[in-house]
C-alpha atoms as a PDB file:
ATOM      1  CA  MET A   1      92.661   6.750 -99.099  1.00  0.00           C
ATOM      2  CA  ARG A   2      96.273   6.009-100.134  1.00  0.00           C
ATOM      3  CA  SER A   3      96.671   3.009-102.437  1.00  0.00           C
ATOM      4  CA  LEU A   4      99.177   0.286-101.370  1.00  0.00           C
ATOM      5  CA  THR A   5     102.548   0.427-103.167  1.00  0.00           C
ATOM      6  CA  PRO A   6     103.403  -2.455-105.514  1.00  0.00           C
ATOM      7  CA  ILE A   7     106.225  -3.619-103.095  1.00  0.00           C
ATOM      8  CA  LEU A   8     103.804  -3.808-100.262  1.00  0.00           C
ATOM      9  CA  LEU A   9     101.253  -5.696-102.374  1.00  0.00           C
ATOM     10  CA  VAL A  10     103.927  -8.293-103.316  1.00  0.00           C
ATOM     11  CA  SER A  11     105.038  -8.716 -99.683  1.00  0.00           C
ATOM     12  CA  LEU A  12     101.411  -9.093 -98.523  1.00  0.00           C
ATOM     13  CA  ALA A  13     100.661 -11.715-101.129  1.00  0.00           C
ATOM     14  CA  ALA A  14     103.706 -13.692-100.135  1.00  0.00           C
ATOM     15  CA  ALA A  15     102.722 -13.659 -96.474  1.00  0.00           C
ATOM     16  CA  LEU A  16      99.225 -14.772 -97.295  1.00  0.00           C
ATOM     17  CA  SER A  17     100.472 -17.689 -99.526  1.00  0.00           C
ATOM     18  CA  GLY A  18     102.627 -18.945 -96.655  1.00  0.00           C
ATOM     19  CA  CYS A  19      99.956 -19.061 -94.008  1.00  0.00           C
ATOM     20  CA  GLY A  20      96.634 -19.283 -95.963  1.00  0.00           C
ATOM     21  CA  GLY A  21      94.528 -22.267 -96.991  1.00  0.00           C
ATOM     22  CA  SER A  22      96.910 -23.240 -99.805  1.00  0.00           C
ATOM     23  CA  GLY A  23     100.012 -23.456 -97.423  1.00  0.00           C
ATOM     24  CA  THR A  24     101.362 -26.755 -96.175  1.00  0.00           C
ATOM     25  CA  ILE A  25     102.109 -27.358 -92.445  1.00  0.00           C
ATOM     26  CA  THR A  26     104.876 -29.790 -91.865  1.00  0.00           C
ATOM     27  CA  THR A  27     104.627 -31.885 -88.758  1.00  0.00           C
ATOM     28  CA  PRO A  28     107.990 -32.675 -87.282  1.00  0.00           C
ATOM     29  CA  PRO A  29     108.851 -36.534 -87.089  1.00  0.00           C
ATOM     30  CA  THR A  30     108.156 -38.276 -83.739  1.00  0.00           C
ATOM     31  CA  TYR A  31     110.742 -40.622 -82.372  1.00  0.00           C
ATOM     32  CA  PRO A  32     110.772 -42.864 -79.353  1.00  0.00           C
ATOM     33  CA  SER A  33     112.599 -40.784 -76.694  1.00  0.00           C
ATOM     34  CA  LEU A  34     114.857 -43.728 -75.432  1.00  0.00           C
ATOM     35  CA  THR A  35     116.870 -41.370 -73.172  1.00  0.00           C
ATOM     36  CA  GLY A  36     117.547 -43.071 -69.825  1.00  0.00           C
ATOM     37  CA  ASN A  37     118.769 -46.067 -67.903  1.00  0.00           C
ATOM     38  CA  TRP A  38     118.059 -49.391 -69.663  1.00  0.00           C
ATOM     39  CA  GLU A  39     118.200 -53.015 -68.459  1.00  0.00           C
ATOM     40  CA  LEU A  40     118.867 -55.482 -71.272  1.00  0.00           C
ATOM     41  CA  THR A  41     118.564 -59.262 -71.067  1.00  0.00           C
ATOM     42  CA  GLY A  42     120.122 -61.474 -73.746  1.00  0.00           C
ATOM     43  CA  SER A  43     119.791 -65.079 -74.615  1.00  0.00           C
ATOM     44  CA  SER A  44     122.578 -66.537 -76.726  1.00  0.00           C
ATOM     45  CA  ALA A  45     121.898 -68.948 -79.637  1.00  0.00           C
ATOM     46  CA  PRO A  46     121.407 -71.794 -79.466  1.00  0.00           C
ATOM     47  CA  GLY A  47     120.163 -71.259 -75.951  1.00  0.00           C
ATOM     48  CA  THR A  48     123.476 -71.844 -74.182  1.00  0.00           C
ATOM     49  CA  GLY A  49     123.116 -69.066 -71.676  1.00  0.00           C
ATOM     50  CA  THR A  50     121.744 -65.647 -70.688  1.00  0.00           C
ATOM     51  CA  PHE A  51     123.277 -62.359 -69.804  1.00  0.00           C
ATOM     52  CA  GLY A  52     122.214 -59.162 -68.290  1.00  0.00           C
ATOM     53  CA  ALA A  53     123.441 -55.690 -69.303  1.00  0.00           C
ATOM     54  CA  GLY A  54     122.938 -52.062 -68.322  1.00  0.00           C
ATOM     55  CA  ALA A  55     122.831 -49.301 -70.762  1.00  0.00           C
ATOM     56  CA  TYR A  56     122.562 -45.586 -70.938  1.00  0.00           C
ATOM     57  CA  LEU A  57     120.899 -44.541 -74.255  1.00  0.00           C
ATOM     58  CA  THR A  58     119.974 -41.180 -75.575  1.00  0.00           C
ATOM     59  CA  ASN A  59     118.211 -40.135 -78.793  1.00  0.00           C
ATOM     60  CA  THR A  60     118.317 -36.703 -80.613  1.00  0.00           C
ATOM     61  CA  ASN A  61     116.143 -36.618 -83.745  1.00  0.00           C
ATOM     62  CA  GLY A  62     116.782 -40.212 -84.542  1.00  0.00           C
ATOM     63  CA  SER A  63     120.530 -40.288 -83.800  1.00  0.00           C
ATOM     64  CA  VAL A  64     121.182 -42.664 -80.868  1.00  0.00           C
ATOM     65  CA  SER A  65     124.281 -42.890 -78.747  1.00  0.00           C
ATOM     66  CA  GLY A  66     125.085 -44.403 -75.454  1.00  0.00           C
ATOM     67  CA  ILE A  67     127.188 -46.784 -73.318  1.00  0.00           C
ATOM     68  CA  ILE A  68     126.457 -50.517 -72.659  1.00  0.00           C
ATOM     69  CA  TYR A  69     127.862 -52.607 -69.767  1.00  0.00           C
ATOM     70  CA  MET A  70     127.819 -56.399 -70.195  1.00  0.00           C
ATOM     71  CA  LEU A  71     127.358 -57.538 -66.525  1.00  0.00           C
ATOM     72  CA  ASP A  72     127.571 -61.356 -67.125  1.00  0.00           C
ATOM     73  CA  MET A  73     130.011 -61.739 -70.022  1.00  0.00           C
ATOM     74  CA  SER A  74     133.649 -62.425 -69.072  1.00  0.00           C
ATOM     75  CA  CYS A  75     134.967 -61.333 -72.337  1.00  0.00           C
ATOM     76  CA  TYR A  76     134.014 -57.810 -71.464  1.00  0.00           C
ATOM     77  CA  LEU A  77     135.989 -57.718 -68.164  1.00  0.00           C
ATOM     78  CA  THR A  78     139.343 -56.190 -67.659  1.00  0.00           C
ATOM     79  CA  PRO A  79     142.208 -58.305 -66.233  1.00  0.00           C
ATOM     80  CA  ASP A  80     141.279 -56.907 -62.819  1.00  0.00           C
ATOM     81  CA  ASN A  81     137.624 -57.812 -63.224  1.00  0.00           C
ATOM     82  CA  GLN A  82     136.293 -54.348 -64.057  1.00  0.00           C
ATOM     83  CA  ILE A  83     133.348 -54.100 -66.521  1.00  0.00           C
ATOM     84  CA  MET A  84     134.386 -52.601 -69.804  1.00  0.00           C
ATOM     85  CA  ALA A  85     132.400 -49.575 -71.205  1.00  0.00           C
ATOM     86  CA  ILE A  86     130.977 -50.288 -74.674  1.00  0.00           C
ATOM     87  CA  PRO A  87     130.249 -47.070 -76.530  1.00  0.00           C
ATOM     88  CA  VAL A  88     127.486 -47.451 -79.178  1.00  0.00           C
ATOM     89  CA  THR A  89     126.088 -45.215 -81.884  1.00  0.00           C
ATOM     90  CA  GLY A  90     123.229 -45.707 -84.355  1.00  0.00           C
ATOM     91  CA  THR A  91     119.694 -44.686 -85.321  1.00  0.00           C
ATOM     92  CA  VAL A  92     116.102 -45.188 -84.340  1.00  0.00           C
ATOM     93  CA  SER A  93     113.345 -44.742 -86.901  1.00  0.00           C
ATOM     94  CA  THR A  94     110.338 -42.441 -86.496  1.00  0.00           C
ATOM     95  CA  ALA A  95     107.632 -44.040 -84.374  1.00  0.00           C
ATOM     96  CA  VAL A  96     104.643 -45.766 -86.043  1.00  0.00           C
ATOM     97  CA  SER A  97     101.994 -46.439 -83.349  1.00  0.00           C
ATOM     98  CA  THR A  98     104.582 -45.425 -80.789  1.00  0.00           C
ATOM     99  CA  LEU A  99     107.160 -48.048 -82.100  1.00  0.00           C
ATOM    100  CA  GLY A 100     110.373 -47.495 -83.945  1.00  0.00           C
ATOM    101  CA  VAL A 101     113.315 -49.499 -85.172  1.00  0.00           C
ATOM    102  CA  LEU A 102     116.485 -49.331 -83.133  1.00  0.00           C
ATOM    103  CA  SER A 103     119.910 -50.148 -84.572  1.00  0.00           C
ATOM    104  CA  VAL A 104     123.224 -49.493 -82.800  1.00  0.00           C
ATOM    105  CA  THR A 105     126.808 -50.715 -83.282  1.00  0.00           C
ATOM    106  CA  SER A 106     129.744 -50.421 -80.886  1.00  0.00           C
ATOM    107  CA  SER A 107     133.261 -49.336 -81.408  1.00  0.00           C
ATOM    108  CA  ALA A 108     135.741 -52.098 -81.067  1.00  0.00           C
ATOM    109  CA  VAL A 109     136.215 -52.938 -77.439  1.00  0.00           C
ATOM    110  CA  ALA A 110     138.937 -55.588 -76.801  1.00  0.00           C
ATOM    111  CA  GLY A 111     138.667 -56.315 -80.503  1.00  0.00           C
ATOM    112  CA  GLN A 112     134.947 -56.982 -80.133  1.00  0.00           C
ATOM    113  CA  VAL A 113     132.156 -55.219 -82.086  1.00  0.00           C
ATOM    114  CA  LEU A 114     128.631 -55.429 -80.728  1.00  0.00           C
ATOM    115  CA  SER A 115     125.562 -54.897 -82.925  1.00  0.00           C
ATOM    116  CA  LEU A 116     122.056 -54.687 -81.482  1.00  0.00           C
ATOM    117  CA  SER A 117     118.698 -54.010 -83.123  1.00  0.00           C
ATOM    118  CA  GLY A 118     115.101 -54.363 -82.379  1.00  0.00           C
ATOM    119  CA  THR A 119     111.673 -52.801 -82.195  1.00  0.00           C
ATOM    120  CA  VAL A 120     111.531 -50.115 -79.472  1.00  0.00           C
ATOM    121  CA  SER A 121     109.100 -47.817 -77.812  1.00  0.00           C
ATOM    122  CA  SER A 122     110.212 -45.073 -75.451  1.00  0.00           C
ATOM    123  CA  ASP A 123     110.586 -47.558 -72.494  1.00  0.00           C
ATOM    124  CA  THR A 124     110.591 -51.129 -74.020  1.00  0.00           C
ATOM    125  CA  LEU A 125     112.796 -53.137 -76.348  1.00  0.00           C
ATOM    126  CA  LEU A 126     110.974 -55.994 -78.090  1.00  0.00           C
ATOM    127  CA  GLY A 127     112.040 -58.684 -80.560  1.00  0.00           C
ATOM    128  CA  GLY A 128     115.691 -57.531 -80.414  1.00  0.00           C
ATOM    129  CA  THR A 129     118.746 -59.365 -81.741  1.00  0.00           C
ATOM    130  CA  TYR A 130     122.448 -58.966 -81.020  1.00  0.00           C
ATOM    131  CA  SER A 131     125.674 -60.238 -82.498  1.00  0.00           C
ATOM    132  CA  ILE A 132     129.359 -59.866 -81.785  1.00  0.00           C
ATOM    133  CA  THR A 133     132.266 -60.066 -84.126  1.00  0.00           C
ATOM    134  CA  GLY A 134     135.914 -60.339 -83.373  1.00  0.00           C
ATOM    135  CA  GLY A 135     137.855 -60.841 -80.079  1.00  0.00           C
ATOM    136  CA  CYS A 136     137.025 -63.240 -77.281  1.00  0.00           C
ATOM    137  CA  ALA A 137     133.145 -63.083 -77.748  1.00  0.00           C
ATOM    138  CA  GLY A 138     133.283 -63.162 -81.567  1.00  0.00           C
ATOM    139  CA  GLY A 139     130.529 -65.299 -83.022  1.00  0.00           C
ATOM    140  CA  GLY A 140     128.149 -64.703 -80.157  1.00  0.00           C
ATOM    141  CA  LYS A 141     124.546 -63.930 -81.218  1.00  0.00           C
ATOM    142  CA  GLY A 142     121.080 -64.316 -79.981  1.00  0.00           C
ATOM    143  CA  THR A 143     117.963 -62.391 -78.839  1.00  0.00           C
ATOM    144  CA  VAL A 144     117.652 -59.444 -76.509  1.00  0.00           C
ATOM    145  CA  THR A 145     114.794 -57.599 -74.787  1.00  0.00           C
ATOM    146  CA  GLY A 146     114.883 -54.665 -72.477  1.00  0.00           C
ATOM    147  CA  TYR A 147     113.094 -51.997 -70.501  1.00  0.00           C
ATOM    148  CA  MET A 148     113.814 -48.488 -69.101  1.00  0.00           C
ATOM    149  CA  VAL A 149     114.530 -48.723 -65.453  1.00  0.00           C
ATOM    150  CA  PRO A 150     112.382 -46.536 -63.147  1.00  0.00           C
ATOM    151  CA  PRO A 151     114.524 -43.999 -61.265  1.00  0.00           C
ATOM    152  CA  TYR A 152     116.005 -45.119 -57.882  1.00  0.00           C
ATOM    153  CA  THR A 153     114.392 -42.204 -56.093  1.00  0.00           C
ATOM    154  CA  ASN A 154     112.382 -43.626 -53.254  1.00  0.00           C
ATOM    155  CA  THR A 155     112.263 -44.795 -49.671  1.00  0.00           C
ATOM    156  CA  TYR A 156     113.338 -48.401 -49.305  1.00  0.00           C
ATOM    157  CA  SER A 157     113.003 -50.582 -46.210  1.00  0.00           C
ATOM    158  CA  GLY A 158     114.236 -54.027 -45.523  1.00  0.00           C
ATOM    159  CA  THR A 159     116.018 -56.324 -43.006  1.00  0.00           C
ATOM    160  CA  LEU A 160     119.728 -57.225 -42.812  1.00  0.00           C
ATOM    161  CA  GLN A 161     120.184 -60.697 -41.265  1.00  0.00           C
ATOM    162  CA  PRO A 162     123.854 -61.518 -40.618  1.00  0.00           C
ATOM    163  CA  PRO A 163     124.011 -65.264 -40.982  1.00  0.00           C
ATOM    164  CA  ILE A 164     126.840 -65.847 -38.301  1.00  0.00           C
ATOM    165  CA  TYR A 165     124.957 -63.904 -35.620  1.00  0.00           C
ATOM    166  CA  VAL A 166     122.076 -65.686 -33.906  1.00  0.00           C
ATOM    167  CA  GLY A 167     119.429 -63.221 -32.633  1.00  0.00           C
ATOM    168  CA  ILE A 168     120.798 -60.189 -34.369  1.00  0.00           C
ATOM    169  CA  THR A 169     118.465 -58.454 -36.940  1.00  0.00           C
ATOM    170  CA  ILE A 170     119.069 -55.021 -38.429  1.00  0.00           C
ATOM    171  CA  SER A 171     116.128 -53.182 -39.941  1.00  0.00           C
ATOM    172  CA  ALA A 172     117.170 -50.538 -42.489  1.00  0.00           C
ATOM    173  CA  THR A 173     115.318 -47.642 -44.078  1.00  0.00           C
ATOM    174  CA  ILE A 174     117.170 -46.049 -46.914  1.00  0.00           C
ATOM    175  CA  VAL A 175     116.005 -42.801 -48.569  1.00  0.00           C
ATOM    176  CA  THR A 176     117.576 -42.175 -52.023  1.00  0.00           C
ATOM    177  CA  THR A 177     117.595 -39.564 -54.735  1.00  0.00           C
ATOM    178  CA  GLN A 178     118.936 -40.590 -58.206  1.00  0.00           C
ATOM    179  CA  THR A 179     121.444 -38.421 -60.118  1.00  0.00           C
ATOM    180  CA  GLY A 180     123.230 -38.751 -63.356  1.00  0.00           C
ATOM    181  CA  PRO A 181     124.156 -40.095 -65.833  1.00  0.00           C
ATOM    182  CA  ASP A 182     127.886 -39.261 -65.493  1.00  0.00           C
ATOM    183  CA  ALA A 183     130.339 -39.251 -68.363  1.00  0.00           C
ATOM    184  CA  ASN A 184     130.669 -43.016 -68.106  1.00  0.00           C
ATOM    185  CA  GLY A 185     126.934 -43.543 -68.418  1.00  0.00           C
ATOM    186  CA  PHE A 186     126.473 -44.579 -64.746  1.00  0.00           C
ATOM    187  CA  TYR A 187     123.689 -43.266 -62.534  1.00  0.00           C
ATOM    188  CA  HIS A 188     124.166 -42.632 -58.725  1.00  0.00           C
ATOM    189  CA  VAL A 189     122.100 -41.984 -55.692  1.00  0.00           C
ATOM    190  CA  THR A 190     122.478 -39.693 -52.702  1.00  0.00           C
ATOM    191  CA  GLY A 191     120.635 -40.118 -49.464  1.00  0.00           C
ATOM    192  CA  THR A 192     120.592 -41.338 -45.860  1.00  0.00           C
ATOM    193  CA  ALA A 193     119.906 -44.472 -43.924  1.00  0.00           C
ATOM    194  CA  THR A 194     118.492 -45.283 -40.521  1.00  0.00           C
ATOM    195  CA  PHE A 195     119.033 -48.646 -38.719  1.00  0.00           C
ATOM    196  CA  ASN A 196     117.071 -50.174 -35.833  1.00  0.00           C
ATOM    197  CA  SER A 197     118.969 -53.247 -34.670  1.00  0.00           C
ATOM    198  CA  THR A 198     118.679 -55.987 -32.082  1.00  0.00           C
ATOM    199  CA  GLY A 199     122.011 -56.965 -30.744  1.00  0.00           C
ATOM    200  CA  ALA A 200     123.938 -54.283 -32.580  1.00  0.00           C
ATOM    201  CA  PRO A 201     123.037 -51.007 -30.857  1.00  0.00           C
ATOM    202  CA  CYS A 202     126.067 -49.067 -32.191  1.00  0.00           C
ATOM    203  CA  LEU A 203     124.577 -49.092 -35.746  1.00  0.00           C
ATOM    204  CA  LYS A 204     121.946 -46.291 -35.903  1.00  0.00           C
ATOM    205  CA  SER A 205     122.261 -44.132 -39.025  1.00  0.00           C
ATOM    206  CA  GLY A 206     124.409 -43.423 -42.048  1.00  0.00           C
ATOM    207  CA  THR A 207     124.897 -41.466 -45.283  1.00  0.00           C
ATOM    208  CA  ILE A 208     125.363 -42.811 -48.805  1.00  0.00           C
ATOM    209  CA  THR A 209     128.872 -41.921 -49.734  1.00  0.00           C
ATOM    210  CA  SER A 210     129.244 -43.802 -53.061  1.00  0.00           C
ATOM    211  CA  SER A 211     127.070 -45.625 -55.520  1.00  0.00           C
ATOM    212  CA  THR A 212     126.953 -47.059 -59.056  1.00  0.00           C
ATOM    213  CA  ILE A 213     123.838 -47.881 -60.965  1.00  0.00           C
ATOM    214  CA  THR A 214     123.617 -49.495 -64.540  1.00  0.00           C
ATOM    215  CA  GLY A 215     120.415 -50.985 -65.588  1.00  0.00           C
ATOM    216  CA  ALA A 216     118.692 -52.920 -62.818  1.00  0.00           C
ATOM    217  CA  ASP A 217     122.023 -53.261 -61.061  1.00  0.00           C
ATOM    218  CA  VAL A 218     122.704 -51.115 -58.014  1.00  0.00           C
ATOM    219  CA  ASN A 219     125.614 -50.922 -55.601  1.00  0.00           C
ATOM    220  CA  ILE A 220     125.686 -48.375 -52.740  1.00  0.00           C
ATOM    221  CA  VAL A 221     128.084 -47.818 -49.801  1.00  0.00           C
ATOM    222  CA  ILE A 222     126.739 -46.279 -46.618  1.00  0.00           C
ATOM    223  CA  THR A 223     129.071 -44.709 -43.990  1.00  0.00           C
ATOM    224  CA  ALA A 224     127.412 -45.291 -40.700  1.00  0.00           C
ATOM    225  CA  ASN A 225     127.458 -43.365 -37.473  1.00  0.00           C
ATOM    226  CA  ASP A 226     129.955 -45.716 -35.751  1.00  0.00           C
ATOM    227  CA  GLY A 227     132.365 -45.449 -38.634  1.00  0.00           C
ATOM    228  CA  SER A 228     131.465 -48.662 -40.222  1.00  0.00           C
ATOM    229  CA  LEU A 229     130.779 -49.250 -43.974  1.00  0.00           C
ATOM    230  CA  VAL A 230     127.518 -50.858 -45.019  1.00  0.00           C
ATOM    231  CA  SER A 231     127.801 -52.019 -48.579  1.00  0.00           C
ATOM    232  CA  VAL A 232     124.557 -53.025 -50.322  1.00  0.00           C
ATOM    233  CA  GLY A 233     124.470 -54.632 -53.793  1.00  0.00           C
ATOM    234  CA  GLY A 234     121.399 -55.812 -55.529  1.00  0.00           C
ATOM    235  CA  PHE A 235     119.133 -55.717 -58.547  1.00  0.00           C
ATOM    236  CA  LEU A 236     115.542 -55.055 -59.402  1.00  0.00           C
ATOM    237  CA  THR A 237     113.390 -58.148 -59.273  1.00  0.00           C
ATOM    238  CA  ASP A 238     111.136 -56.848 -62.060  1.00  0.00           C
ATOM    239  CA  SER A 239     110.546 -53.893 -64.330  1.00  0.00           C
ATOM    240  CA  SER A 240     108.093 -52.113 -61.880  1.00  0.00           C
ATOM    241  CA  GLY A 241     111.076 -51.088 -59.723  1.00  0.00           C
ATOM    242  CA  GLN A 242     109.250 -51.902 -56.523  1.00  0.00           C
ATOM    243  CA  SER A 243     111.716 -54.307 -54.968  1.00  0.00           C
ATOM    244  CA  ILE A 244     115.487 -54.927 -54.944  1.00  0.00           C
ATOM    245  CA  ALA A 245     117.044 -58.124 -53.782  1.00  0.00           C
ATOM    246  CA  GLY A 246     120.732 -58.674 -53.134  1.00  0.00           C
ATOM    247  CA  SER A 247     123.474 -58.924 -50.510  1.00  0.00           C
ATOM    248  CA  PHE A 248     125.285 -56.778 -48.019  1.00  0.00           C
ATOM    249  CA  THR A 249     128.591 -56.490 -46.058  1.00  0.00           C
ATOM    250  CA  ILE A 250     129.291 -54.581 -42.844  1.00  0.00           C
ATOM    251  CA  THR A 251     132.904 -53.716 -42.046  1.00  0.00           C
ATOM    252  CA  GLY A 252     134.632 -51.787 -39.281  1.00  0.00           C
ATOM    253  CA  SER A 253     131.617 -51.702 -36.946  1.00  0.00           C
ATOM    254  CA  ALA A 254     132.150 -50.812 -33.274  1.00  0.00           C
ATOM    255  CA  CYS A 255     129.914 -53.746 -32.122  1.00  0.00           C
ATOM    256  CA  LEU A 256     129.921 -56.353 -34.924  1.00  0.00           C
ATOM    257  CA  SER A 257     132.625 -58.263 -36.394  1.00  0.00           C
ATOM    258  CA  ASP A 258     132.882 -57.876 -40.210  1.00  0.00           C
ATOM    259  CA  THR A 259     129.948 -59.812 -41.772  1.00  0.00           C
ATOM    260  CA  THR A 260     128.588 -60.628 -45.133  1.00  0.00           C
ATOM    261  CA  GLY A 261     125.062 -61.828 -46.059  1.00  0.00           C
ATOM    262  CA  GLY A 262     124.505 -63.431 -49.377  1.00  0.00           C
ATOM    263  CA  ASP A 263     121.168 -62.583 -50.973  1.00  0.00           C
ATOM    264  CA  LEU A 264     119.651 -61.899 -47.598  1.00  0.00           C
ATOM    265  CA  LEU A 265     118.697 -58.297 -48.194  1.00  0.00           C
ATOM    266  CA  SER A 266     115.347 -57.516 -49.783  1.00  0.00           C
ATOM    267  CA  VAL A 267     114.554 -53.928 -50.000  1.00  0.00           C
ATOM    268  CA  VAL A 268     110.932 -52.860 -50.853  1.00  0.00           C
ATOM    269  CA  PRO A 269     109.776 -49.310 -51.356  1.00  0.00           C
ATOM    270  CA  GLU A 270     107.439 -48.019 -48.742  1.00  0.00           C
ATOM    271  CA  PRO A 271     103.925 -47.033 -50.021  1.00  0.00           C
END
């Protein structure tokens, strides 16, 4: 039998030392995933008010980035009342018992720098705090909690009750599929709607033609069969994602005058 050459012996020894009993197997660190659509709720100190915010966050090996939208804070509105995008970057620590520590800071938006931190899992923010320096909201601080919003992919049903029309009830079934996020951190839905109405027979069906979702806040526009626009705006009533409450407007209908219902739409997913 041929003997092994010295070079082959050295190579074989090196291979064995790398995978044998004396070798060390390194386990990659585990981070909370974070990536998704988040609803944040803040309470300002010393308890002078609360705010809601939507956020798209993503995490790659502990490096976090995203966009936050303050939905109830006037200092983050443009002069024409559009919500400002707040880009954030930061870190999340490796998970211990599924929990990590999140810390993000924004770039200056209208002179305001937002900092947010807290204990986080892949779908919940606990014991968080925030602070704002500079600009209109400078000095603001308080606590914040949050959760990852379930996808708006579902079949929803509910009733539209125009307050100015006695005896008219419009039942709606809306089938949605969520897409996104887009470059601005917004999610969207596509889908269709069917209507069954008493007193408004012209309204029968429609297609979702535009939508914007951030956090638990959702706004969709349905172009109906009679050429009207049915706009539905609402928010999740809890973190389960099983019901949406809000308001609606109908404009340009062939058999209804333009109408608006405030907080009269409750949309509940079908089983």
